[in-house]
Amino acid sequence: MGCHFGTSETLRCLEENFLPSPCEAGGKPCGAGGRCAAPGICCNDESCVSDVACGNENGERGRMFPERNLTMLDGSAGDLLLRLMHLANKQQQGKPQFY
């Protein structure tokens, strides 16, 4: 797992910098006003949570377990990803919002 910077794969992401509206997940609706951002992950304007409704298109929804094996990674990687999501959400909630 990792991130790419400055590669041909990331050129498409640069286009988002020129759009007047914020980035929106294009997945199906889930949770409270959210959209599926990745297999097992539902995001809304405020946070991301695990959601079994965001299973793979290949009918693997039954293999998704909330709070465990988040993106069909092994258990320890899924737990780490979930902890990072919770930490990021807590940090965002603690920051003052400036407009």
PDB file of N, CA and C in Angstrom:
ATOM      1  N   MET A   1       0.851  -1.155   0.000  1.00  0.00           N
ATOM      2  CA  MET A   1       0.000   0.000   0.000  1.00  0.00           C
ATOM      3  C   MET A   1       0.906   1.229   0.000  1.00  0.00           C
ATOM      4  N   GLY A   2       0.555   2.232  -0.760  1.00  0.00           N
ATOM      5  CA  GLY A   2       1.346   3.442  -0.804  1.00  0.00           C
ATOM      6  C   GLY A   2       0.703   4.481  -1.684  1.00  0.00           C
ATOM      7  N   CYS A   3       1.378   5.592  -1.848  1.00  0.00           N
ATOM      8  CA  CYS A   3       0.853   6.697  -2.649  1.00  0.00           C
ATOM      9  C   CYS A   3       1.836   7.024  -3.764  1.00  0.00           C
ATOM     10  N   HIS A   4       1.304   7.454  -4.882  1.00  0.00           N
ATOM     11  CA  HIS A   4       2.115   7.892  -6.010  1.00  0.00           C
ATOM     12  C   HIS A   4       2.063   9.417  -6.077  1.00  0.00           C
ATOM     13  N   PHE A   5       3.195  10.047  -6.337  1.00  0.00           N
ATOM     14  CA  PHE A   5       3.263  11.492  -6.512  1.00  0.00           C
ATOM     15  C   PHE A   5       4.021  11.792  -7.794  1.00  0.00           C
ATOM     16  N   GLY A   6       3.466  12.672  -8.620  1.00  0.00           N
ATOM     17  CA  GLY A   6       4.155  13.110  -9.821  1.00  0.00           C
ATOM     18  C   GLY A   6       4.319  12.056 -10.897  1.00  0.00           C
ATOM     19  N   THR A   7       3.471  11.051 -10.911  1.00  0.00           N
ATOM     20  CA  THR A   7       3.554  10.008 -11.929  1.00  0.00           C
ATOM     21  C   THR A   7       2.412  10.167 -12.921  1.00  0.00           C
ATOM     22  N   SER A   8       2.476   9.396 -14.001  1.00  0.00           N
ATOM     23  CA  SER A   8       1.415   9.478 -15.005  1.00  0.00           C
ATOM     24  C   SER A   8       0.066   9.063 -14.428  1.00  0.00           C
ATOM     25  N   GLU A   9       0.075   8.183 -13.417  1.00  0.00           N
ATOM     26  CA  GLU A   9      -1.175   7.767 -12.791  1.00  0.00           C
ATOM     27  C   GLU A   9      -1.853   8.906 -12.034  1.00  0.00           C
ATOM     28  N   THR A  10      -1.078   9.876 -11.579  1.00  0.00           N
ATOM     29  CA  THR A  10      -1.646  10.963 -10.777  1.00  0.00           C
ATOM     30  C   THR A  10      -2.054  12.181 -11.599  1.00  0.00           C
ATOM     31  N   LEU A  11      -1.746  12.193 -12.886  1.00  0.00           N
ATOM     32  CA  LEU A  11      -2.087  13.356 -13.705  1.00  0.00           C
ATOM     33  C   LEU A  11      -3.584  13.643 -13.693  1.00  0.00           C
ATOM     34  N   ARG A  12      -4.397  12.593 -13.690  1.00  0.00           N
ATOM     35  CA  ARG A  12      -5.848  12.778 -13.667  1.00  0.00           C
ATOM     36  C   ARG A  12      -6.293  13.521 -12.407  1.00  0.00           C
ATOM     37  N   CYS A  13      -5.617  13.268 -11.300  1.00  0.00           N
ATOM     38  CA  CYS A  13      -5.972  13.920 -10.041  1.00  0.00           C
ATOM     39  C   CYS A  13      -5.688  15.418 -10.074  1.00  0.00           C
ATOM     40  N   LEU A  14      -4.706  15.832 -10.841  1.00  0.00           N
ATOM     41  CA  LEU A  14      -4.384  17.255 -10.928  1.00  0.00           C
ATOM     42  C   LEU A  14      -5.534  18.064 -11.513  1.00  0.00           C
ATOM     43  N   GLU A  15      -6.359  17.427 -12.348  1.00  0.00           N
ATOM     44  CA  GLU A  15      -7.497  18.121 -12.943  1.00  0.00           C
ATOM     45  C   GLU A  15      -8.456  18.638 -11.880  1.00  0.00           C
ATOM     46  N   GLU A  16      -8.525  17.954 -10.734  1.00  0.00           N
ATOM     47  CA  GLU A  16      -9.434  18.367  -9.671  1.00  0.00           C
ATOM     48  C   GLU A  16      -9.074  19.736  -9.111  1.00  0.00           C
ATOM     49  N   ASN A  17      -7.811  20.138  -9.214  1.00  0.00           N
ATOM     50  CA  ASN A  17      -7.400  21.445  -8.711  1.00  0.00           C
ATOM     51  C   ASN A  17      -8.043  22.591  -9.481  1.00  0.00           C
ATOM     52  N   PHE A  18      -8.514  22.327 -10.685  1.00  0.00           N
ATOM     53  CA  PHE A  18      -9.080  23.377 -11.517  1.00  0.00           C
ATOM     54  C   PHE A  18     -10.605  23.393 -11.500  1.00  0.00           C
ATOM     55  N   LEU A  19     -11.218  22.482 -10.747  1.00  0.00           N
ATOM     56  CA  LEU A  19     -12.675  22.440 -10.661  1.00  0.00           C
ATOM     57  C   LEU A  19     -13.158  23.386  -9.570  1.00  0.00           C
ATOM     58  N   PRO A  20     -14.277  24.092  -9.805  1.00  0.00           N
ATOM     59  CA  PRO A  20     -14.771  25.042  -8.810  1.00  0.00           C
ATOM     60  C   PRO A  20     -15.433  24.374  -7.605  1.00  0.00           C
ATOM     61  N   SER A  21     -15.832  23.118  -7.728  1.00  0.00           N
ATOM     62  CA  SER A  21     -16.510  22.442  -6.620  1.00  0.00           C
ATOM     63  C   SER A  21     -15.567  21.426  -5.979  1.00  0.00           C
ATOM     64  N   PRO A  22     -15.830  21.071  -4.717  1.00  0.00           N
ATOM     65  CA  PRO A  22     -14.963  20.094  -4.058  1.00  0.00           C
ATOM     66  C   PRO A  22     -15.109  18.704  -4.661  1.00  0.00           C
ATOM     67  N   CYS A  23     -14.125  17.882  -4.438  1.00  0.00           N
ATOM     68  CA  CYS A  23     -14.146  16.508  -4.932  1.00  0.00           C
ATOM     69  C   CYS A  23     -15.280  15.736  -4.271  1.00  0.00           C
ATOM     70  N   GLU A  24     -15.961  14.913  -5.041  1.00  0.00           N
ATOM     71  CA  GLU A  24     -17.040  14.085  -4.519  1.00  0.00           C
ATOM     72  C   GLU A  24     -16.803  12.646  -4.943  1.00  0.00           C
ATOM     73  N   ALA A  25     -17.058  11.724  -4.020  1.00  0.00           N
ATOM     74  CA  ALA A  25     -16.941  10.306  -4.354  1.00  0.00           C
ATOM     75  C   ALA A  25     -18.041   9.947  -5.336  1.00  0.00           C
ATOM     76  N   GLY A  26     -17.719   9.150  -6.330  1.00  0.00           N
ATOM     77  CA  GLY A  26     -18.685   8.804  -7.365  1.00  0.00           C
ATOM     78  C   GLY A  26     -19.396   7.486  -7.141  1.00  0.00           C
ATOM     79  N   GLY A  27     -19.195   6.862  -5.992  1.00  0.00           N
ATOM     80  CA  GLY A  27     -19.822   5.574  -5.731  1.00  0.00           C
ATOM     81  C   GLY A  27     -21.301   5.697  -5.437  1.00  0.00           C
ATOM     82  N   LYS A  28     -21.914   4.559  -5.149  1.00  0.00           N
ATOM     83  CA  LYS A  28     -23.349   4.541  -4.872  1.00  0.00           C
ATOM     84  C   LYS A  28     -23.627   5.154  -3.499  1.00  0.00           C
ATOM     85  N   PRO A  29     -24.854   5.649  -3.288  1.00  0.00           N
ATOM     86  CA  PRO A  29     -25.210   6.249  -1.997  1.00  0.00           C
ATOM     87  C   PRO A  29     -25.109   5.226  -0.864  1.00  0.00           C
ATOM     88  N   CYS A  30     -24.693   5.693   0.313  1.00  0.00           N
ATOM     89  CA  CYS A  30     -24.593   4.837   1.492  1.00  0.00           C
ATOM     90  C   CYS A  30     -24.707   5.700   2.743  1.00  0.00           C
ATOM     91  N   GLY A  31     -24.905   5.081   3.875  1.00  0.00           N
ATOM     92  CA  GLY A  31     -24.907   5.778   5.157  1.00  0.00           C
ATOM     93  C   GLY A  31     -25.810   6.992   5.191  1.00  0.00           C
ATOM     94  N   ALA A  32     -25.435   7.958   6.018  1.00  0.00           N
ATOM     95  CA  ALA A  32     -26.202   9.190   6.192  1.00  0.00           C
ATOM     96  C   ALA A  32     -25.691  10.248   5.220  1.00  0.00           C
ATOM     97  N   GLY A  33     -26.207  10.230   4.001  1.00  0.00           N
ATOM     98  CA  GLY A  33     -25.817  11.222   3.004  1.00  0.00           C
ATOM     99  C   GLY A  33     -24.430  11.009   2.434  1.00  0.00           C
ATOM    100  N   GLY A  34     -23.911   9.800   2.518  1.00  0.00           N
ATOM    101  CA  GLY A  34     -22.576   9.524   2.017  1.00  0.00           C
ATOM    102  C   GLY A  34     -22.585   8.780   0.699  1.00  0.00           C
ATOM    103  N   ARG A  35     -21.384   8.484   0.210  1.00  0.00           N
ATOM    104  CA  ARG A  35     -21.198   7.702  -1.006  1.00  0.00           C
ATOM    105  C   ARG A  35     -20.039   6.747  -0.772  1.00  0.00           C
ATOM    106  N   CYS A  36     -20.122   5.586  -1.423  1.00  0.00           N
ATOM    107  CA  CYS A  36     -19.051   4.594  -1.306  1.00  0.00           C
ATOM    108  C   CYS A  36     -17.785   5.151  -1.954  1.00  0.00           C
ATOM    109  N   ALA A  37     -16.709   5.218  -1.178  1.00  0.00           N
ATOM    110  CA  ALA A  37     -15.444   5.737  -1.677  1.00  0.00           C
ATOM    111  C   ALA A  37     -14.483   4.614  -2.049  1.00  0.00           C
ATOM    112  N   ALA A  38     -14.643   3.461  -1.431  1.00  0.00           N
ATOM    113  CA  ALA A  38     -13.812   2.285  -1.684  1.00  0.00           C
ATOM    114  C   ALA A  38     -14.573   1.081  -1.151  1.00  0.00           C
ATOM    115  N   PRO A  39     -14.167  -0.123  -1.513  1.00  0.00           N
ATOM    116  CA  PRO A  39     -14.864  -1.295  -0.976  1.00  0.00           C
ATOM    117  C   PRO A  39     -14.872  -1.281   0.551  1.00  0.00           C
ATOM    118  N   GLY A  40     -16.069  -1.241   1.126  1.00  0.00           N
ATOM    119  CA  GLY A  40     -16.218  -1.256   2.573  1.00  0.00           C
ATOM    120  C   GLY A  40     -16.118   0.090   3.248  1.00  0.00           C
ATOM    121  N   ILE A  41     -15.962   1.187   2.493  1.00  0.00           N
ATOM    122  CA  ILE A  41     -15.793   2.518   3.085  1.00  0.00           C
ATOM    123  C   ILE A  41     -16.813   3.488   2.510  1.00  0.00           C
ATOM    124  N   CYS A  42     -17.585   4.120   3.404  1.00  0.00           N
ATOM    125  CA  CYS A  42     -18.594   5.116   3.038  1.00  0.00           C
ATOM    126  C   CYS A  42     -18.150   6.466   3.583  1.00  0.00           C
ATOM    127  N   CYS A  43     -18.122   7.492   2.731  1.00  0.00           N
ATOM    128  CA  CYS A  43     -17.696   8.829   3.152  1.00  0.00           C
ATOM    129  C   CYS A  43     -18.802   9.841   2.901  1.00  0.00           C
ATOM    130  N   ASN A  44     -18.972  10.768   3.851  1.00  0.00           N
ATOM    131  CA  ASN A  44     -19.852  11.914   3.644  1.00  0.00           C
ATOM    132  C   ASN A  44     -19.002  13.171   3.794  1.00  0.00           C
ATOM    133  N   ASP A  45     -19.629  14.329   3.925  1.00  0.00           N
ATOM    134  CA  ASP A  45     -18.881  15.583   4.000  1.00  0.00           C
ATOM    135  C   ASP A  45     -18.001  15.681   5.240  1.00  0.00           C
ATOM    136  N   GLU A  46     -18.319  14.898   6.289  1.00  0.00           N
ATOM    137  CA  GLU A  46     -17.614  15.048   7.551  1.00  0.00           C
ATOM    138  C   GLU A  46     -16.634  13.935   7.877  1.00  0.00           C
ATOM    139  N   SER A  47     -16.895  12.711   7.428  1.00  0.00           N
ATOM    140  CA  SER A  47     -16.028  11.611   7.823  1.00  0.00           C
ATOM    141  C   SER A  47     -16.218  10.401   6.918  1.00  0.00           C
ATOM    142  N   CYS A  48     -15.413   9.380   7.163  1.00  0.00           N
ATOM    143  CA  CYS A  48     -15.535   8.090   6.491  1.00  0.00           C
ATOM    144  C   CYS A  48     -15.703   7.011   7.549  1.00  0.00           C
ATOM    145  N   VAL A  49     -16.539   6.039   7.255  1.00  0.00           N
ATOM    146  CA  VAL A  49     -16.771   4.919   8.165  1.00  0.00           C
ATOM    147  C   VAL A  49     -16.824   3.634   7.363  1.00  0.00           C
ATOM    148  N   SER A  50     -16.629   2.505   8.054  1.00  0.00           N
ATOM    149  CA  SER A  50     -16.778   1.226   7.365  1.00  0.00           C
ATOM    150  C   SER A  50     -18.261   0.956   7.171  1.00  0.00           C
ATOM    151  N   ASP A  51     -18.610   0.387   6.021  1.00  0.00           N
ATOM    152  CA  ASP A  51     -20.014   0.139   5.688  1.00  0.00           C
ATOM    153  C   ASP A  51     -20.090  -1.069   4.763  1.00  0.00           C
ATOM    154  N   VAL A  52     -20.802  -2.116   5.207  1.00  0.00           N
ATOM    155  CA  VAL A  52     -20.910  -3.326   4.396  1.00  0.00           C
ATOM    156  C   VAL A  52     -21.682  -3.078   3.110  1.00  0.00           C
ATOM    157  N   ALA A  53     -22.470  -1.998   3.046  1.00  0.00           N
ATOM    158  CA  ALA A  53     -23.213  -1.674   1.827  1.00  0.00           C
ATOM    159  C   ALA A  53     -22.273  -1.309   0.682  1.00  0.00           C
ATOM    160  N   CYS A  54     -21.042  -0.981   0.996  1.00  0.00           N
ATOM    161  CA  CYS A  54     -20.062  -0.601  -0.021  1.00  0.00           C
ATOM    162  C   CYS A  54     -19.181  -1.786  -0.390  1.00  0.00           C
ATOM    163  N   GLY A  55     -19.803  -2.920  -0.627  1.00  0.00           N
ATOM    164  CA  GLY A  55     -19.064  -4.108  -1.046  1.00  0.00           C
ATOM    165  C   GLY A  55     -18.618  -3.967  -2.482  1.00  0.00           C
ATOM    166  N   ASN A  56     -17.827  -4.917  -2.936  1.00  0.00           N
ATOM    167  CA  ASN A  56     -17.374  -4.921  -4.329  1.00  0.00           C
ATOM    168  C   ASN A  56     -18.537  -5.168  -5.267  1.00  0.00           C
ATOM    169  N   GLU A  57     -18.407  -4.707  -6.485  1.00  0.00           N
ATOM    170  CA  GLU A  57     -19.425  -4.924  -7.509  1.00  0.00           C
ATOM    171  C   GLU A  57     -19.536  -6.397  -7.887  1.00  0.00           C
ATOM    172  N   ASN A  58     -18.538  -7.196  -7.550  1.00  0.00           N
ATOM    173  CA  ASN A  58     -18.498  -8.598  -7.946  1.00  0.00           C
ATOM    174  C   ASN A  58     -19.251  -9.512  -6.992  1.00  0.00           C
ATOM    175  N   GLY A  59     -20.160  -8.959  -6.210  1.00  0.00           N
ATOM    176  CA  GLY A  59     -20.951  -9.772  -5.307  1.00  0.00           C
ATOM    177  C   GLY A  59     -20.199 -10.233  -4.074  1.00  0.00           C
ATOM    178  N   GLU A  60     -19.128  -9.569  -3.713  1.00  0.00           N
ATOM    179  CA  GLU A  60     -18.348  -9.967  -2.552  1.00  0.00           C
ATOM    180  C   GLU A  60     -18.804  -9.245  -1.295  1.00  0.00           C
ATOM    181  N   ARG A  61     -19.965  -8.654  -1.321  1.00  0.00           N
ATOM    182  CA  ARG A  61     -20.456  -7.895  -0.183  1.00  0.00           C
ATOM    183  C   ARG A  61     -20.521  -8.762   1.070  1.00  0.00           C
ATOM    184  N   GLY A  62     -20.854 -10.028   0.932  1.00  0.00           N
ATOM    185  CA  GLY A  62     -20.959 -10.908   2.083  1.00  0.00           C
ATOM    186  C   GLY A  62     -19.641 -11.121   2.808  1.00  0.00           C
ATOM    187  N   ARG A  63     -18.532 -10.871   2.149  1.00  0.00           N
ATOM    188  CA  ARG A  63     -17.225 -11.052   2.775  1.00  0.00           C
ATOM    189  C   ARG A  63     -16.785  -9.833   3.556  1.00  0.00           C
ATOM    190  N   MET A  64     -17.537  -8.748   3.509  1.00  0.00           N
ATOM    191  CA  MET A  64     -17.148  -7.527   4.193  1.00  0.00           C
ATOM    192  C   MET A  64     -17.638  -7.563   5.636  1.00  0.00           C
ATOM    193  N   PHE A  65     -16.775  -7.223   6.572  1.00  0.00           N
ATOM    194  CA  PHE A  65     -17.140  -7.187   7.976  1.00  0.00           C
ATOM    195  C   PHE A  65     -16.777  -5.818   8.523  1.00  0.00           C
ATOM    196  N   PRO A  66     -17.728  -5.083   9.079  1.00  0.00           N
ATOM    197  CA  PRO A  66     -17.392  -3.776   9.631  1.00  0.00           C
ATOM    198  C   PRO A  66     -16.353  -3.915  10.744  1.00  0.00           C
ATOM    199  N   GLU A  67     -15.469  -2.954  10.845  1.00  0.00           N
ATOM    200  CA  GLU A  67     -14.421  -2.885  11.847  1.00  0.00           C
ATOM    201  C   GLU A  67     -13.339  -3.962  11.665  1.00  0.00           C
ATOM    202  N   ARG A  68     -13.424  -4.805  10.658  1.00  0.00           N
ATOM    203  CA  ARG A  68     -12.431  -5.849  10.413  1.00  0.00           C
ATOM    204  C   ARG A  68     -12.217  -5.989   8.910  1.00  0.00           C
ATOM    205  N   ASN A  69     -11.026  -6.293   8.498  1.00  0.00           N
ATOM    206  CA  ASN A  69     -10.726  -6.606   7.101  1.00  0.00           C
ATOM    207  C   ASN A  69     -11.361  -5.607   6.148  1.00  0.00           C
ATOM    208  N   LEU A  70     -11.095  -4.353   6.392  1.00  0.00           N
ATOM    209  CA  LEU A  70     -11.821  -3.249   5.784  1.00  0.00           C
ATOM    210  C   LEU A  70     -11.850  -3.282   4.269  1.00  0.00           C
ATOM    211  N   THR A  71     -10.739  -3.465   3.628  1.00  0.00           N
ATOM    212  CA  THR A  71     -10.722  -3.463   2.166  1.00  0.00           C
ATOM    213  C   THR A  71     -10.192  -4.788   1.645  1.00  0.00           C
ATOM    214  N   MET A  72     -10.565  -5.844   2.311  1.00  0.00           N
ATOM    215  CA  MET A  72     -10.143  -7.197   1.965  1.00  0.00           C
ATOM    216  C   MET A  72      -8.634  -7.357   2.072  1.00  0.00           C
ATOM    217  N   LEU A  73      -8.038  -6.569   2.951  1.00  0.00           N
ATOM    218  CA  LEU A  73      -6.637  -6.744   3.291  1.00  0.00           C
ATOM    219  C   LEU A  73      -6.587  -7.756   4.423  1.00  0.00           C
ATOM    220  N   ASP A  74      -5.389  -8.170   4.803  1.00  0.00           N
ATOM    221  CA  ASP A  74      -5.355  -9.047   5.963  1.00  0.00           C
ATOM    222  C   ASP A  74      -5.811  -8.253   7.182  1.00  0.00           C
ATOM    223  N   GLY A  75      -6.160  -8.924   8.251  1.00  0.00           N
ATOM    224  CA  GLY A  75      -6.769  -8.283   9.414  1.00  0.00           C
ATOM    225  C   GLY A  75      -5.953  -7.141   9.978  1.00  0.00           C
ATOM    226  N   SER A  76      -4.634  -7.300  10.092  1.00  0.00           N
ATOM    227  CA  SER A  76      -3.821  -6.253  10.696  1.00  0.00           C
ATOM    228  C   SER A  76      -3.786  -5.003   9.822  1.00  0.00           C
ATOM    229  N   ALA A  77      -3.719  -5.155   8.511  1.00  0.00           N
ATOM    230  CA  ALA A  77      -3.720  -3.989   7.617  1.00  0.00           C
ATOM    231  C   ALA A  77      -5.069  -3.293   7.654  1.00  0.00           C
ATOM    232  N   GLY A  78      -6.157  -4.057   7.693  1.00  0.00           N
ATOM    233  CA  GLY A  78      -7.489  -3.462   7.783  1.00  0.00           C
ATOM    234  C   GLY A  78      -7.678  -2.717   9.085  1.00  0.00           C
ATOM    235  N   ASP A  79      -7.182  -3.296  10.193  1.00  0.00           N
ATOM    236  CA  ASP A  79      -7.279  -2.628  11.491  1.00  0.00           C
ATOM    237  C   ASP A  79      -6.488  -1.329  11.490  1.00  0.00           C
ATOM    238  N   LEU A  80      -5.296  -1.350  10.894  1.00  0.00           N
ATOM    239  CA  LEU A  80      -4.479  -0.147  10.818  1.00  0.00           C
ATOM    240  C   LEU A  80      -5.182   0.934  10.006  1.00  0.00           C
ATOM    241  N   LEU A  81      -5.758   0.560   8.871  1.00  0.00           N
ATOM    242  CA  LEU A  81      -6.469   1.524   8.041  1.00  0.00           C
ATOM    243  C   LEU A  81      -7.640   2.127   8.800  1.00  0.00           C
ATOM    244  N   LEU A  82      -8.391   1.307   9.510  1.00  0.00           N
ATOM    245  CA  LEU A  82      -9.525   1.804  10.275  1.00  0.00           C
ATOM    246  C   LEU A  82      -9.070   2.754  11.378  1.00  0.00           C
ATOM    247  N   ARG A  83      -7.982   2.421  12.072  1.00  0.00           N
ATOM    248  CA  ARG A  83      -7.466   3.309  13.124  1.00  0.00           C
ATOM    249  C   ARG A  83      -7.019   4.644  12.544  1.00  0.00           C
ATOM    250  N   LEU A  84      -6.368   4.606  11.384  1.00  0.00           N
ATOM    251  CA  LEU A  84      -5.947   5.854  10.744  1.00  0.00           C
ATOM    252  C   LEU A  84      -7.143   6.713  10.357  1.00  0.00           C
ATOM    253  N   MET A  85      -8.215   6.065   9.866  1.00  0.00           N
ATOM    254  CA  MET A  85      -9.427   6.817   9.518  1.00  0.00           C
ATOM    255  C   MET A  85     -10.022   7.475  10.755  1.00  0.00           C
ATOM    256  N   HIS A  86     -10.091   6.740  11.867  1.00  0.00           N
ATOM    257  CA  HIS A  86     -10.641   7.304  13.098  1.00  0.00           C
ATOM    258  C   HIS A  86      -9.778   8.457  13.603  1.00  0.00           C
ATOM    259  N   LEU A  87      -8.459   8.305  13.545  1.00  0.00           N
ATOM    260  CA  LEU A  87      -7.560   9.361  13.978  1.00  0.00           C
ATOM    261  C   LEU A  87      -7.738  10.610  13.124  1.00  0.00           C
ATOM    262  N   ALA A  88      -7.829  10.438  11.819  1.00  0.00           N
ATOM    263  CA  ALA A  88      -8.021  11.582  10.920  1.00  0.00           C
ATOM    264  C   ALA A  88      -9.346  12.273  11.203  1.00  0.00           C
ATOM    265  N   ASN A  89     -10.398  11.503  11.468  1.00  0.00           N
ATOM    266  CA  ASN A  89     -11.701  12.095  11.773  1.00  0.00           C
ATOM    267  C   ASN A  89     -11.651  12.885  13.068  1.00  0.00           C
ATOM    268  N   LYS A  90     -10.961  12.367  14.095  1.00  0.00           N
ATOM    269  CA  LYS A  90     -10.851  13.076  15.370  1.00  0.00           C
ATOM    270  C   LYS A  90     -10.089  14.378  15.196  1.00  0.00           C
ATOM    271  N   GLN A  91      -9.015  14.350  14.412  1.00  0.00           N
ATOM    272  CA  GLN A  91      -8.231  15.556  14.189  1.00  0.00           C
ATOM    273  C   GLN A  91      -9.036  16.600  13.430  1.00  0.00           C
ATOM    274  N   GLN A  92      -9.840  16.185  12.462  1.00  0.00           N
ATOM    275  CA  GLN A  92     -10.667  17.119  11.707  1.00  0.00           C
ATOM    276  C   GLN A  92     -11.730  17.745  12.599  1.00  0.00           C
ATOM    277  N   GLN A  93     -12.297  16.970  13.516  1.00  0.00           N
ATOM    278  CA  GLN A  93     -13.333  17.488  14.400  1.00  0.00           C
ATOM    279  C   GLN A  93     -12.761  18.481  15.397  1.00  0.00           C
ATOM    280  N   GLY A  94     -11.489  18.343  15.753  1.00  0.00           N
ATOM    281  CA  GLY A  94     -10.870  19.227  16.722  1.00  0.00           C
ATOM    282  C   GLY A  94     -10.382  20.537  16.144  1.00  0.00           C
ATOM    283  N   LYS A  95     -10.298  20.655  14.835  1.00  0.00           N
ATOM    284  CA  LYS A  95      -9.793  21.873  14.197  1.00  0.00           C
ATOM    285  C   LYS A  95     -10.903  22.899  14.049  1.00  0.00           C
ATOM    286  N   PRO A  96     -10.607  24.176  14.310  1.00  0.00           N
ATOM    287  CA  PRO A  96     -11.613  25.210  14.046  1.00  0.00           C
ATOM    288  C   PRO A  96     -11.821  25.369  12.545  1.00  0.00           C
ATOM    289  N   GLN A  97     -13.039  25.586  12.150  1.00  0.00           N
ATOM    290  CA  GLN A  97     -13.380  25.738  10.737  1.00  0.00           C
ATOM    291  C   GLN A  97     -13.334  27.215  10.350  1.00  0.00           C
ATOM    292  N   PHE A  98     -12.552  27.556   9.355  1.00  0.00           N
ATOM    293  CA  PHE A  98     -12.473  28.917   8.844  1.00  0.00           C
ATOM    294  C   PHE A  98     -13.011  28.940   7.430  1.00  0.00           C
ATOM    295  N   TYR A  99     -13.848  29.886   7.122  1.00  0.00           N
ATOM    296  CA  TYR A  99     -14.412  30.012   5.778  1.00  0.00           C
ATOM    297  C   TYR A  99     -14.074  31.352   5.197  1.00  0.00           C
TER     298      TYR A  99
END
